[in-house]
Protein backbone atom coordinates (compact mmCIF):
# COMPACT_ATOMS: atom_id res chain seq x y z
CA UNK A 1 15.25 -86.77 47.66
CA UNK A 2 13.25 -86.49 44.45
CA UNK A 3 9.55 -85.65 44.65
CA UNK A 4 6.83 -84.62 42.23
CA UNK A 5 5.71 -81.13 43.23
CA UNK A 6 2.91 -78.74 42.34
CA UNK A 7 4.55 -75.62 40.90
CA UNK A 8 1.52 -73.75 39.62
CA UNK A 9 -1.75 -74.32 37.84
CA UNK A 10 -1.36 -77.01 35.16
CA UNK A 11 2.28 -77.61 36.14
CA UNK A 12 4.08 -80.25 38.17
CA UNK A 13 7.84 -80.81 38.36
CA UNK A 14 10.14 -83.41 39.88
CA UNK A 15 12.32 -81.45 42.30
CA UNK A 16 14.91 -82.04 44.98
CA UNK A 17 13.26 -81.63 48.39
CA UNK A 18 14.38 -82.44 51.96
CA UNK A 19 13.86 -85.99 53.11
CA UNK A 20 11.09 -86.40 55.69
CA UNK A 21 11.90 -87.04 59.32
CA UNK A 22 10.09 -88.31 62.40
CA UNK A 23 8.16 -85.40 63.95
CA UNK A 24 5.94 -87.27 66.40
CA UNK A 25 6.45 -90.47 68.35
CA UNK A 26 3.86 -92.38 66.30
CA UNK A 27 5.25 -91.36 62.90
CA UNK A 28 7.01 -93.72 60.50
CA UNK A 29 9.18 -93.07 57.47
CA UNK A 30 8.39 -95.17 54.41
CA UNK A 31 10.61 -95.71 51.39
CA UNK A 32 8.16 -95.54 48.52
CA UNK A 33 8.17 -98.53 46.18
CA UNK A 34 5.04 -97.65 44.18
CA UNK A 35 2.79 -94.62 43.91
CA UNK A 36 0.08 -93.55 41.49
CA UNK A 37 -1.61 -90.57 39.89
CA UNK A 38 -5.24 -90.22 40.95
CA UNK A 39 -8.05 -88.49 39.10
CA UNK A 40 -8.46 -86.16 42.07
CA UNK A 41 -4.81 -85.11 41.63
CA UNK A 42 -5.99 -83.56 38.38
CA UNK A 43 -8.33 -81.28 40.36
CA UNK A 44 -5.21 -79.90 42.07
CA UNK A 45 -3.35 -79.66 38.79
CA UNK A 46 -6.24 -77.78 37.18
CA UNK A 47 -6.54 -75.33 40.05
CA UNK A 48 -10.00 -76.34 41.27
CA UNK A 49 -8.86 -77.05 44.84
CA UNK A 50 -7.66 -73.91 46.67
CA UNK A 51 -4.72 -73.45 49.07
CA UNK A 52 -2.08 -75.25 47.04
CA UNK A 53 1.39 -73.73 47.40
CA UNK A 54 4.35 -73.90 45.06
CA UNK A 55 6.55 -76.85 45.99
CA UNK A 56 3.81 -78.95 47.66
CA UNK A 57 4.57 -82.66 47.21
CA UNK A 58 1.76 -84.38 45.31
CA UNK A 59 0.23 -87.82 45.67
CA UNK A 60 -2.01 -89.71 48.08
CA UNK A 61 -1.80 -93.26 46.68
CA UNK A 62 1.42 -94.87 47.83
CA UNK A 63 3.04 -97.85 49.51
CA UNK A 64 6.49 -98.99 50.44
CA UNK A 65 8.87 -100.30 53.10
CA UNK A 66 9.10 -98.92 56.62
CA UNK A 67 12.65 -97.64 57.22
CA UNK A 68 12.15 -95.80 60.52
CA UNK A 69 9.54 -95.77 63.27
CA UNK A 70 8.85 -93.38 66.13
CA UNK A 71 9.45 -94.31 69.73
CA UNK A 72 5.72 -94.47 70.46
CA UNK A 73 4.93 -97.26 68.02
CA UNK A 74 4.52 -100.76 69.43
CA UNK A 75 6.76 -103.19 67.54
CA UNK A 76 3.87 -105.67 67.45
CA UNK A 77 1.98 -103.19 65.26
CA UNK A 78 4.72 -101.86 63.00
CA UNK A 79 8.44 -102.23 62.67
CA UNK A 80 11.30 -101.44 60.30
CA UNK A 81 11.17 -103.69 57.26
CA UNK A 82 7.39 -104.03 57.15
CA UNK A 83 5.75 -103.61 53.75
CA UNK A 84 2.78 -101.28 54.01
CA UNK A 85 0.01 -99.58 52.04
CA UNK A 86 -0.91 -96.12 53.30
CA UNK A 87 -4.55 -94.92 53.22
CA UNK A 88 -5.03 -91.40 51.92
CA UNK A 89 -7.08 -90.00 54.86
CA UNK A 90 -5.13 -89.66 58.09
CA UNK A 91 -7.09 -91.01 61.05
CA UNK A 92 -6.41 -90.80 64.77
CA UNK A 93 -8.41 -93.95 65.51
CA UNK A 94 -9.81 -92.53 68.76
CA UNK A 95 -12.21 -89.64 68.04
CA UNK A 96 -15.97 -90.00 67.63
CA UNK A 97 -15.73 -90.10 63.85
CA UNK A 98 -13.03 -92.77 63.85
CA UNK A 99 -14.92 -94.89 66.38
CA UNK A 100 -17.86 -94.74 63.97
CA UNK A 101 -15.51 -95.81 61.13
CA UNK A 102 -15.92 -92.41 59.44
CA UNK A 103 -12.18 -92.08 59.08
CA UNK A 104 -12.15 -89.34 56.43
CA UNK A 105 -14.04 -87.17 58.94
CA UNK A 106 -11.42 -87.63 61.68
CA UNK A 107 -11.65 -84.75 64.14
CA UNK A 108 -7.98 -84.64 65.15
CA UNK A 109 -5.65 -84.97 62.15
CA UNK A 110 -6.14 -81.77 60.16
CA UNK A 111 -3.88 -79.03 61.57
CA UNK A 112 -5.73 -76.53 59.38
CA UNK A 113 -9.12 -77.46 60.78
CA UNK A 114 -10.18 -73.82 61.03
CA UNK A 115 -9.61 -73.30 57.33
CA UNK A 116 -11.42 -76.50 56.44
CA UNK A 117 -14.32 -75.50 58.68
CA UNK A 118 -14.75 -72.24 56.77
CA UNK A 119 -15.11 -74.16 53.51
CA UNK A 120 -17.15 -77.15 54.64
CA UNK A 121 -18.88 -76.14 57.89
CA UNK A 122 -16.89 -78.70 59.87
CA UNK A 123 -13.28 -79.84 59.43
CA UNK A 124 -12.27 -82.97 57.54
CA UNK A 125 -9.40 -85.36 58.18
CA UNK A 126 -5.90 -84.60 57.05
CA UNK A 127 -5.04 -85.98 53.61
CA UNK A 128 -1.63 -86.60 52.08
CA UNK A 129 -0.64 -84.35 49.19
CA UNK A 130 -4.03 -82.69 48.89
CA UNK A 131 -3.67 -78.97 49.62
CA UNK A 132 -3.38 -77.02 52.85
CA UNK A 133 -7.16 -77.22 53.19
CA UNK A 134 -6.59 -80.82 54.31
CA UNK A 135 -3.49 -80.15 56.38
CA UNK A 136 -0.68 -79.47 53.93
CA UNK A 137 0.84 -82.92 54.43
CA UNK A 138 3.54 -83.90 51.94
CA UNK A 139 2.32 -86.56 49.53
CA UNK A 140 3.69 -89.88 48.33
CA UNK A 141 4.84 -89.14 44.78
CA UNK A 142 8.34 -89.13 46.19
CA UNK A 143 11.18 -91.39 47.24
CA UNK A 144 10.21 -91.23 50.93
CA UNK A 145 7.16 -90.14 52.92
CA UNK A 146 6.32 -89.47 56.55
CA UNK A 147 3.32 -91.54 57.62
CA UNK A 148 1.40 -89.88 60.45
CA UNK A 149 0.00 -92.03 63.27
CA UNK A 150 1.40 -94.96 61.36
CA UNK A 151 0.33 -97.55 63.92
CA UNK A 152 -3.36 -96.97 63.15
CA UNK A 153 -3.10 -96.10 59.46
CA UNK A 154 -0.52 -98.19 57.62
CA UNK A 155 -1.75 -101.62 56.50
CA UNK A 156 0.89 -104.33 56.66
CA UNK A 157 1.04 -106.62 53.63
CA UNK A 158 2.19 -110.03 54.77
CA UNK A 159 1.39 -111.97 51.60
CA UNK A 160 3.44 -112.31 48.42
CA UNK A 161 1.05 -110.13 46.39
CA UNK A 162 3.04 -107.66 44.31
CA UNK A 163 2.77 -103.88 44.61
CA UNK A 164 0.38 -103.48 41.71
CA UNK A 165 -2.09 -105.92 43.27
CA UNK A 166 -2.34 -103.97 46.55
CA UNK A 167 -1.32 -100.36 45.79
CA UNK A 168 -4.87 -99.23 45.08
CA UNK A 169 -5.99 -100.23 48.59
CA UNK A 170 -4.67 -96.74 49.41
CA UNK A 171 -7.64 -95.04 47.74
CA UNK A 172 -9.38 -95.93 44.51
CA UNK A 173 -10.36 -99.54 45.22
CA UNK A 174 -11.93 -98.74 48.62
CA UNK A 175 -13.50 -95.62 47.09
CA UNK A 176 -15.14 -97.63 44.31
CA UNK A 177 -16.26 -100.28 46.79
CA UNK A 178 -17.73 -97.73 49.19
CA UNK A 179 -19.63 -96.18 46.28
CA UNK A 180 -21.25 -99.54 45.58
CA UNK A 181 -21.77 -100.39 49.26
CA UNK A 182 -23.62 -97.10 49.84
CA UNK A 183 -26.10 -98.23 47.17
CA UNK A 184 -27.41 -101.03 49.39
CA UNK A 185 -27.52 -103.31 46.35
CA UNK A 186 -30.27 -105.93 46.31
CA UNK A 187 -30.70 -109.03 44.17
CA UNK A 188 -31.79 -108.03 40.66
CA UNK A 189 -30.65 -104.40 40.92
CA UNK A 190 -29.48 -102.45 37.91
CA UNK A 191 -26.58 -100.14 38.81
CA UNK A 192 -25.48 -97.27 36.55
CA UNK A 193 -22.02 -95.76 37.01
CA UNK A 194 -21.15 -92.34 35.65
CA UNK A 195 -17.44 -92.31 34.80
CA UNK A 196 -15.42 -95.28 33.55
CA UNK A 197 -12.12 -94.07 34.94
CA UNK A 198 -10.30 -96.18 37.54
CA UNK A 199 -12.70 -95.38 40.41
CA UNK A 200 -15.69 -95.98 38.17
CA UNK A 201 -14.26 -99.31 37.02
CA UNK A 202 -13.80 -100.42 40.62
CA UNK A 203 -17.31 -99.24 41.50
CA UNK A 204 -18.58 -101.48 38.69
CA UNK A 205 -16.51 -104.44 39.91
CA UNK A 206 -17.73 -103.87 43.45
CA UNK A 207 -21.37 -103.62 42.36
CA UNK A 208 -21.00 -106.99 40.68
CA UNK A 209 -19.36 -108.51 43.77
CA UNK A 210 -22.22 -107.14 45.90
CA UNK A 211 -24.86 -108.79 43.70
CA UNK A 212 -25.96 -106.35 40.99
CA UNK A 213 -27.75 -108.07 38.10
CA UNK A 214 -26.70 -105.50 35.49
CA UNK A 215 -24.03 -102.80 35.59
CA UNK A 216 -24.06 -99.89 33.14
CA UNK A 217 -20.96 -97.78 32.39
CA UNK A 218 -21.46 -94.18 31.22
CA UNK A 219 -18.56 -92.32 29.60
CA UNK A 220 -17.47 -90.92 26.24
CA UNK A 221 -13.98 -92.42 25.93
CA UNK A 222 -14.06 -95.52 23.74
CA UNK A 223 -11.12 -97.19 25.46
CA UNK A 224 -12.73 -96.77 28.87
CA UNK A 225 -16.05 -98.15 27.67
CA UNK A 226 -14.21 -101.04 25.99
CA UNK A 227 -12.52 -101.78 29.32
CA UNK A 228 -15.96 -101.93 30.94
CA UNK A 229 -17.56 -104.10 28.25
CA UNK A 230 -14.62 -106.51 28.49
CA UNK A 231 -15.80 -107.16 32.06
CA UNK A 232 -19.37 -107.75 30.93
CA UNK A 233 -20.81 -104.32 31.69
CA UNK A 234 -23.18 -102.43 29.37
CA UNK A 235 -21.69 -99.28 27.81
CA UNK A 236 -23.45 -95.96 27.21
CA UNK A 237 -21.60 -93.23 25.31
CA UNK A 238 -23.04 -89.92 26.46
CA UNK A 239 -21.89 -88.15 23.30
CA UNK A 240 -23.93 -90.54 21.12
CA UNK A 241 -27.19 -90.76 23.07
CA UNK A 242 -29.30 -88.94 25.61
CA UNK A 243 -28.23 -90.67 28.82
CA UNK A 244 -31.57 -90.60 30.63
CA UNK A 245 -33.41 -91.94 27.57
CA UNK A 246 -30.84 -94.70 27.08
CA UNK A 247 -31.11 -95.73 30.72
CA UNK A 248 -34.90 -95.83 30.56
CA UNK A 249 -34.67 -98.07 27.51
CA UNK A 250 -32.22 -100.40 29.26
CA UNK A 251 -34.43 -100.68 32.36
CA UNK A 252 -37.91 -101.08 30.94
CA UNK A 253 -38.78 -97.44 31.54
CA UNK A 254 -38.04 -97.46 35.29
CA UNK A 255 -34.51 -96.12 35.46
CA UNK A 256 -31.56 -97.73 37.26
CA UNK A 257 -32.22 -98.86 40.83
CA UNK A 258 -28.91 -97.41 42.00
CA UNK A 259 -26.73 -94.70 40.45
CA UNK A 260 -23.09 -93.91 41.22
CA UNK A 261 -21.42 -90.58 40.37
CA UNK A 262 -17.73 -91.44 39.98
CA UNK A 263 -16.95 -88.23 38.07
CA UNK A 264 -17.26 -85.24 40.38
CA UNK A 265 -16.44 -81.60 39.90
CA UNK A 266 -14.97 -81.62 36.39
CA UNK A 267 -17.78 -83.45 34.58
CA UNK A 268 -18.46 -82.79 30.91
CA UNK A 269 -21.75 -83.01 29.04
CA UNK A 270 -22.61 -84.44 25.66
CA UNK A 271 -24.66 -81.38 24.69
CA UNK A 272 -22.39 -78.43 23.91
CA UNK A 273 -24.81 -75.75 25.12
CA UNK A 274 -25.16 -77.42 28.53
CA UNK A 275 -21.39 -77.83 28.78
CA UNK A 276 -20.89 -74.18 27.87
CA UNK A 277 -23.37 -73.07 30.53
CA UNK A 278 -21.38 -74.58 33.38
CA UNK A 279 -18.05 -73.52 31.91
CA UNK A 280 -19.34 -69.94 31.88
CA UNK A 281 -20.63 -70.21 35.44
CA UNK A 282 -17.20 -71.42 36.54
CA UNK A 283 -15.41 -68.63 34.70
CA UNK A 284 -17.70 -66.08 36.37
CA UNK A 285 -17.04 -67.75 39.76
CA UNK A 286 -20.79 -68.36 40.13
CA UNK A 287 -20.05 -72.02 40.82
CA UNK A 288 -16.86 -73.95 41.48
CA UNK A 289 -17.87 -77.41 40.21
CA UNK A 290 -19.58 -78.77 37.08
CA UNK A 291 -22.25 -81.19 38.33
CA UNK A 292 -23.41 -82.73 35.02
CA UNK A 293 -23.02 -86.31 36.23
CA UNK A 294 -24.74 -85.63 39.54
CA UNK A 295 -27.71 -83.96 37.85
CA UNK A 296 -28.08 -86.84 35.39
CA UNK A 297 -27.82 -89.46 38.12
CA UNK A 298 -30.58 -87.85 40.18
CA UNK A 299 -32.89 -87.37 37.19
CA UNK A 300 -32.23 -90.87 35.84
CA UNK A 301 -32.50 -92.92 39.04
CA UNK A 302 -35.78 -94.74 39.58
CA UNK A 303 -38.11 -93.32 42.21
CA UNK A 304 -37.12 -94.58 45.64
CA UNK A 305 -33.62 -95.41 44.41
CA UNK A 306 -30.18 -94.49 45.73
CA UNK A 307 -27.68 -92.02 44.29
CA UNK A 308 -24.16 -92.62 45.60
CA UNK A 309 -21.57 -89.87 45.09
CA UNK A 310 -17.88 -90.73 45.25
CA UNK A 311 -16.65 -88.26 42.62
CA UNK A 312 -14.93 -85.37 44.39
CA UNK A 313 -16.75 -82.06 44.84
CA UNK A 314 -14.99 -79.12 46.40
CA UNK A 315 -17.31 -76.16 46.59
CA UNK A 316 -20.61 -74.92 45.15
CA UNK A 317 -22.81 -76.14 42.30
CA UNK A 318 -25.68 -74.64 40.33
CA UNK A 319 -29.00 -76.13 39.21
CA UNK A 320 -29.06 -78.96 41.77
CA UNK A 321 -32.32 -80.88 41.10
CA UNK A 322 -33.59 -80.73 44.67
CA UNK A 323 -37.19 -81.16 43.52
CA UNK A 324 -36.47 -84.51 41.87
CA UNK A 325 -34.44 -85.62 44.88
CA UNK A 326 -37.20 -84.79 47.39
CA UNK A 327 -40.38 -85.57 45.48
CA UNK A 328 -39.24 -88.97 44.20
CA UNK A 329 -37.96 -90.24 47.56
CA UNK A 330 -34.36 -90.59 46.41
CA UNK A 331 -31.62 -91.34 48.91
CA UNK A 332 -28.38 -89.42 48.38
CA UNK A 333 -25.25 -90.85 50.02
CA UNK A 334 -21.74 -89.54 49.71
CA UNK A 335 -18.37 -89.03 51.38
CA UNK A 336 -14.64 -89.10 50.98
CA UNK A 337 -13.77 -92.75 51.38
CA UNK A 338 -13.25 -94.14 54.88
CA UNK A 339 -10.38 -96.18 53.50
CA UNK A 340 -9.23 -97.83 56.73
CA UNK A 341 -12.64 -99.52 57.06
CA UNK A 342 -12.26 -101.36 53.76
CA UNK A 343 -8.57 -102.18 53.39
CA UNK A 344 -8.49 -105.59 55.09
CA UNK A 345 -11.77 -106.91 53.59
CA UNK A 346 -10.70 -105.82 50.11
CA UNK A 347 -7.26 -107.36 50.57
CA UNK A 348 -9.13 -110.60 51.22
CA UNK A 349 -11.13 -110.23 47.99
CA UNK A 350 -7.89 -109.65 46.07
CA UNK A 351 -6.32 -112.75 47.62
CA UNK A 352 -9.42 -114.75 46.68
CA UNK A 353 -9.24 -113.51 43.07
CA UNK A 354 -12.67 -111.83 43.21
CA UNK A 355 -11.26 -108.42 42.27
CA UNK A 356 -8.22 -107.73 40.08
CA UNK A 357 -6.99 -104.17 40.70
CA UNK A 358 -4.24 -104.48 38.11
CA UNK A 359 -6.72 -104.45 35.23
CA UNK A 360 -6.92 -100.64 35.21
CA UNK A 361 -3.15 -100.03 34.91
CA UNK A 362 -2.19 -98.84 31.43
CA UNK A 363 1.03 -96.91 32.06
CA UNK A 364 4.06 -97.56 34.24
CA UNK A 365 6.65 -94.78 34.51
CA UNK A 366 9.61 -93.86 36.69
CA UNK A 367 9.00 -91.06 39.19
CA UNK A 368 11.25 -88.82 37.10
CA UNK A 369 8.61 -88.92 34.35
CA UNK A 370 5.69 -87.95 36.60
CA UNK A 371 4.94 -84.74 34.62
CA UNK A 372 4.57 -86.88 31.49
CA UNK A 373 2.21 -89.16 33.38
CA UNK A 374 0.06 -86.20 34.38
CA UNK A 375 -0.13 -85.01 30.78
CA UNK A 376 -1.11 -88.45 29.53
CA UNK A 377 -3.74 -88.92 32.23
CA UNK A 378 -5.23 -85.43 32.00
CA UNK A 379 -5.52 -85.50 28.22
CA UNK A 380 -6.53 -89.17 28.07
CA UNK A 381 -3.70 -89.64 25.60
CA UNK A 382 -2.47 -93.06 24.52
CA UNK A 383 -5.62 -94.61 26.06
CA UNK A 384 -4.32 -93.70 29.52
CA UNK A 385 -6.50 -95.13 32.29
CA UNK A 386 -4.12 -95.35 35.27
CA UNK A 387 -0.48 -94.39 35.78
CA UNK A 388 1.75 -96.12 38.32
CA UNK A 389 5.04 -94.43 39.21
CA UNK A 390 8.15 -96.15 40.55
CA UNK A 391 10.76 -94.04 42.41
């Protein structure tokens, strides 16, 4: 089959690879009908996530039709012909973390748990197409994929919603929603979102659904800010203004009640000397991630507010403003998204027309043109916000 594979830093290629097969009794094989390129895929492409190997199949946002099921799957839960969306974290559904609905912290699905433990202190769940640190599972930017423990992970889509309306239930819509939910939004709250990429856009939509009075989008790309303002959000271009000063002006000098970092490890800064500092620290291997957005969110948030972090971080950061965090009673919440917790409720919001996931799609390409999609997305060329691939 054809699959989009990591072949080295800054390089992906569509290659011929073996078709997946059932390995365990609760596996299923899915024929992919739609898949997407995620912003966190760019962290792999850029070499910021270790343990990638040449030939690894990329992609953790995918859906399709079940074509084979293992002998251990109850037909009442999943059967051949079902249309499913697959969440990116692989959950067992039975461990302590899963019972607490912390699915991305599943204790049983990462076969490389020892390696993950060395990096993070404790292991994380397995993740499709996201390095051997998270299990080395083949991803979904392919014609077929093996879905592990499919009876507790794959979400059946029984309605007539098309792929583009439900595909992002696999990751970015639940991630954006969880970012807003962690803010504990109250009536009258002002919510600021760093990053107007797809996850940031969905965090803004979710903040509005959860009752925010004002939502502020922070980015430098005009087309992304235009996408936010078209939804009624206030735009702040961090290359034109000092972000903290602009936020104070927009909030009567208090700062936003809730702040969401939807950027993560590859943040950029409007001031060249600050940007250069973190670039140099990365080059010297003194830090792995550039935490500009996280620093700004902590320093900008009103005292007693909440900073929610859904942008991906992978290692170590420098100049973390711990003093501001502690002395101003800020709450910091974060986590890889516990996707399975949110899929059904968000499907309901889509069916009710309260959220339109299709609004972020700007490019649709065949799987064979995946490398082009990565180039467009990475370089923000042709106003690229989100790429959907069709095998």
